[in-house]
Amino acid sequence: MSFLDELDIKWQEISYNVLIEAANLKRQHPELKLVDALHIASAIIAFAETFFSNDQDLQLLKISELNIKSL
């Protein structure tokens, strides 16, 4: 068993659905960086409940599908 298996971390590929979700996020939140939009879209598509980030600004976003927490 690997370290990631113990943490219940799931890999999410950048699929067409992730790209569409990221584009929608960028349209709703123009201040969002593309890389952040891709990360958040990946979490939404993977049905993640919580998204952790060191970026304090992301916690200010109002995204109903995801609970964003700062580290």
N, C-alpha and C. Protein backbone atom coordinates (compact mmCIF):
# COMPACT_ATOMS: atom_id res chain seq x y z
N MET A 1 0.85 -1.18 0.00
CA MET A 1 0.00 0.00 0.00
C MET A 1 0.90 1.24 0.00
N SER A 2 0.56 2.20 -0.84
CA SER A 2 1.38 3.41 -0.93
C SER A 2 0.86 4.48 0.03
N PHE A 3 1.66 5.48 0.21
CA PHE A 3 1.30 6.61 1.08
C PHE A 3 0.00 7.27 0.62
N LEU A 4 -0.17 7.45 -0.69
CA LEU A 4 -1.38 8.08 -1.21
C LEU A 4 -2.62 7.24 -0.97
N ASP A 5 -2.48 5.92 -1.01
CA ASP A 5 -3.62 5.04 -0.73
C ASP A 5 -4.11 5.22 0.70
N GLU A 6 -3.18 5.42 1.61
CA GLU A 6 -3.55 5.60 3.01
C GLU A 6 -4.30 6.91 3.24
N LEU A 7 -4.05 7.91 2.40
CA LEU A 7 -4.69 9.22 2.54
C LEU A 7 -6.02 9.32 1.80
N ASP A 8 -6.39 8.29 1.08
CA ASP A 8 -7.61 8.29 0.29
C ASP A 8 -7.61 9.44 -0.72
N ILE A 9 -6.47 9.63 -1.38
CA ILE A 9 -6.34 10.64 -2.42
C ILE A 9 -6.64 9.99 -3.76
N LYS A 10 -7.41 10.68 -4.59
CA LYS A 10 -7.83 10.14 -5.87
C LYS A 10 -7.26 11.02 -6.99
N TRP A 11 -6.70 10.40 -8.02
CA TRP A 11 -6.21 11.14 -9.19
C TRP A 11 -7.38 11.43 -10.11
N GLN A 12 -7.39 12.64 -10.67
CA GLN A 12 -8.44 13.02 -11.62
C GLN A 12 -7.77 13.52 -12.89
N GLU A 13 -8.06 12.87 -14.00
CA GLU A 13 -7.50 13.30 -15.27
C GLU A 13 -8.18 14.59 -15.74
N ILE A 14 -7.43 15.34 -16.54
CA ILE A 14 -7.99 16.56 -17.13
C ILE A 14 -8.78 16.12 -18.36
N SER A 15 -10.05 15.87 -18.17
CA SER A 15 -10.93 15.40 -19.23
C SER A 15 -11.66 16.60 -19.87
N TYR A 16 -12.42 16.29 -20.90
CA TYR A 16 -13.24 17.32 -21.54
C TYR A 16 -14.20 17.95 -20.52
N ASN A 17 -14.79 17.13 -19.66
CA ASN A 17 -15.73 17.65 -18.66
C ASN A 17 -15.03 18.58 -17.67
N VAL A 18 -13.79 18.27 -17.31
CA VAL A 18 -13.03 19.14 -16.42
C VAL A 18 -12.76 20.48 -17.12
N LEU A 19 -12.41 20.43 -18.40
CA LEU A 19 -12.15 21.67 -19.14
C LEU A 19 -13.40 22.54 -19.24
N ILE A 20 -14.54 21.93 -19.48
CA ILE A 20 -15.80 22.68 -19.56
C ILE A 20 -16.12 23.30 -18.20
N GLU A 21 -15.95 22.53 -17.13
CA GLU A 21 -16.21 23.05 -15.77
C GLU A 21 -15.26 24.19 -15.44
N ALA A 22 -13.99 24.04 -15.83
CA ALA A 22 -13.00 25.11 -15.58
C ALA A 22 -13.38 26.38 -16.34
N ALA A 23 -13.84 26.23 -17.58
CA ALA A 23 -14.27 27.40 -18.36
C ALA A 23 -15.47 28.07 -17.70
N ASN A 24 -16.40 27.29 -17.20
CA ASN A 24 -17.55 27.86 -16.49
C ASN A 24 -17.12 28.60 -15.23
N LEU A 25 -16.18 28.02 -14.50
CA LEU A 25 -15.67 28.68 -13.29
C LEU A 25 -14.99 30.00 -13.63
N LYS A 26 -14.19 30.01 -14.71
CA LYS A 26 -13.51 31.24 -15.14
C LYS A 26 -14.52 32.31 -15.55
N ARG A 27 -15.62 31.89 -16.18
CA ARG A 27 -16.66 32.84 -16.60
C ARG A 27 -17.35 33.44 -15.37
N GLN A 28 -17.60 32.61 -14.36
CA GLN A 28 -18.27 33.08 -13.14
C GLN A 28 -17.32 33.87 -12.23
N HIS A 29 -16.03 33.53 -12.27
CA HIS A 29 -15.03 34.14 -11.39
C HIS A 29 -13.83 34.57 -12.24
N PRO A 30 -13.91 35.70 -12.95
CA PRO A 30 -12.83 36.12 -13.86
C PRO A 30 -11.48 36.29 -13.17
N GLU A 31 -11.48 36.55 -11.87
CA GLU A 31 -10.23 36.75 -11.14
C GLU A 31 -9.49 35.43 -10.89
N LEU A 32 -10.16 34.32 -11.11
CA LEU A 32 -9.59 32.99 -10.86
C LEU A 32 -8.51 32.68 -11.89
N LYS A 33 -7.35 32.23 -11.42
CA LYS A 33 -6.27 31.82 -12.32
C LYS A 33 -6.68 30.52 -13.00
N LEU A 34 -6.19 30.33 -14.23
CA LEU A 34 -6.55 29.14 -14.99
C LEU A 34 -6.16 27.86 -14.26
N VAL A 35 -4.97 27.82 -13.69
CA VAL A 35 -4.53 26.61 -12.98
C VAL A 35 -5.44 26.32 -11.79
N ASP A 36 -5.89 27.35 -11.09
CA ASP A 36 -6.82 27.16 -9.97
C ASP A 36 -8.17 26.67 -10.47
N ALA A 37 -8.63 27.22 -11.58
CA ALA A 37 -9.90 26.78 -12.16
C ALA A 37 -9.83 25.31 -12.54
N LEU A 38 -8.70 24.87 -13.10
CA LEU A 38 -8.54 23.46 -13.46
C LEU A 38 -8.52 22.56 -12.22
N HIS A 39 -7.83 23.00 -11.18
CA HIS A 39 -7.78 22.21 -9.94
C HIS A 39 -9.17 22.09 -9.31
N ILE A 40 -9.86 23.21 -9.22
CA ILE A 40 -11.19 23.21 -8.60
C ILE A 40 -12.18 22.42 -9.45
N ALA A 41 -12.11 22.59 -10.78
CA ALA A 41 -12.99 21.84 -11.67
C ALA A 41 -12.75 20.34 -11.54
N SER A 42 -11.50 19.95 -11.41
CA SER A 42 -11.18 18.53 -11.22
C SER A 42 -11.82 17.99 -9.95
N ALA A 43 -11.76 18.79 -8.89
CA ALA A 43 -12.37 18.38 -7.62
C ALA A 43 -13.88 18.26 -7.75
N ILE A 44 -14.49 19.20 -8.44
CA ILE A 44 -15.95 19.16 -8.62
C ILE A 44 -16.36 17.93 -9.42
N ILE A 45 -15.67 17.67 -10.52
CA ILE A 45 -15.99 16.52 -11.39
C ILE A 45 -15.78 15.20 -10.64
N ALA A 46 -14.81 15.18 -9.72
CA ALA A 46 -14.54 13.97 -8.94
C ALA A 46 -15.45 13.85 -7.72
N PHE A 47 -16.40 14.76 -7.57
CA PHE A 47 -17.33 14.77 -6.44
C PHE A 47 -16.63 14.90 -5.10
N ALA A 48 -15.55 15.68 -5.08
CA ALA A 48 -14.86 15.94 -3.82
C ALA A 48 -15.76 16.80 -2.93
N GLU A 49 -15.67 16.58 -1.65
CA GLU A 49 -16.45 17.38 -0.71
C GLU A 49 -15.68 18.62 -0.27
N THR A 50 -14.35 18.48 -0.15
CA THR A 50 -13.52 19.57 0.35
C THR A 50 -12.29 19.72 -0.53
N PHE A 51 -11.89 20.97 -0.77
CA PHE A 51 -10.70 21.30 -1.54
C PHE A 51 -9.78 22.09 -0.63
N PHE A 52 -8.55 21.60 -0.43
CA PHE A 52 -7.58 22.27 0.43
C PHE A 52 -6.56 23.02 -0.42
N SER A 53 -6.22 24.25 0.02
CA SER A 53 -5.27 25.06 -0.72
C SER A 53 -4.51 25.98 0.22
N ASN A 54 -3.30 26.37 -0.19
CA ASN A 54 -2.55 27.38 0.55
C ASN A 54 -2.96 28.79 0.14
N ASP A 55 -3.74 28.90 -0.92
CA ASP A 55 -4.16 30.20 -1.45
C ASP A 55 -5.37 30.71 -0.66
N GLN A 56 -5.15 31.71 0.16
CA GLN A 56 -6.22 32.28 1.00
C GLN A 56 -7.35 32.87 0.16
N ASP A 57 -7.03 33.38 -1.03
CA ASP A 57 -8.05 34.01 -1.88
C ASP A 57 -9.10 33.00 -2.37
N LEU A 58 -8.70 31.75 -2.52
CA LEU A 58 -9.65 30.75 -3.01
C LEU A 58 -10.78 30.51 -2.01
N GLN A 59 -10.49 30.69 -0.74
CA GLN A 59 -11.51 30.47 0.28
C GLN A 59 -12.63 31.50 0.17
N LEU A 60 -12.35 32.64 -0.45
CA LEU A 60 -13.36 33.68 -0.62
C LEU A 60 -14.35 33.37 -1.73
N LEU A 61 -14.01 32.43 -2.60
CA LEU A 61 -14.90 32.07 -3.70
C LEU A 61 -16.15 31.38 -3.16
N LYS A 62 -17.27 31.68 -3.74
CA LYS A 62 -18.53 31.05 -3.38
C LYS A 62 -18.86 30.00 -4.45
N ILE A 63 -18.45 28.77 -4.19
CA ILE A 63 -18.71 27.67 -5.11
C ILE A 63 -19.54 26.64 -4.35
N SER A 64 -20.79 26.51 -4.74
CA SER A 64 -21.74 25.71 -3.98
C SER A 64 -21.39 24.22 -3.95
N GLU A 65 -20.74 23.73 -4.99
CA GLU A 65 -20.46 22.29 -5.07
C GLU A 65 -19.28 21.85 -4.22
N LEU A 66 -18.54 22.81 -3.64
CA LEU A 66 -17.27 22.46 -3.03
C LEU A 66 -17.00 23.32 -1.81
N ASN A 67 -16.52 22.69 -0.75
CA ASN A 67 -16.10 23.38 0.46
C ASN A 67 -14.60 23.65 0.32
N ILE A 68 -14.19 24.92 0.23
CA ILE A 68 -12.78 25.27 0.03
C ILE A 68 -12.19 25.69 1.39
N LYS A 69 -11.12 25.00 1.77
CA LYS A 69 -10.45 25.26 3.05
C LYS A 69 -9.02 25.70 2.79
N SER A 70 -8.54 26.65 3.58
CA SER A 70 -7.14 27.09 3.50
C SER A 70 -6.31 26.31 4.50
N LEU A 71 -5.09 26.02 4.11
CA LEU A 71 -4.16 25.33 5.01
C LEU A 71 -3.42 26.32 5.86
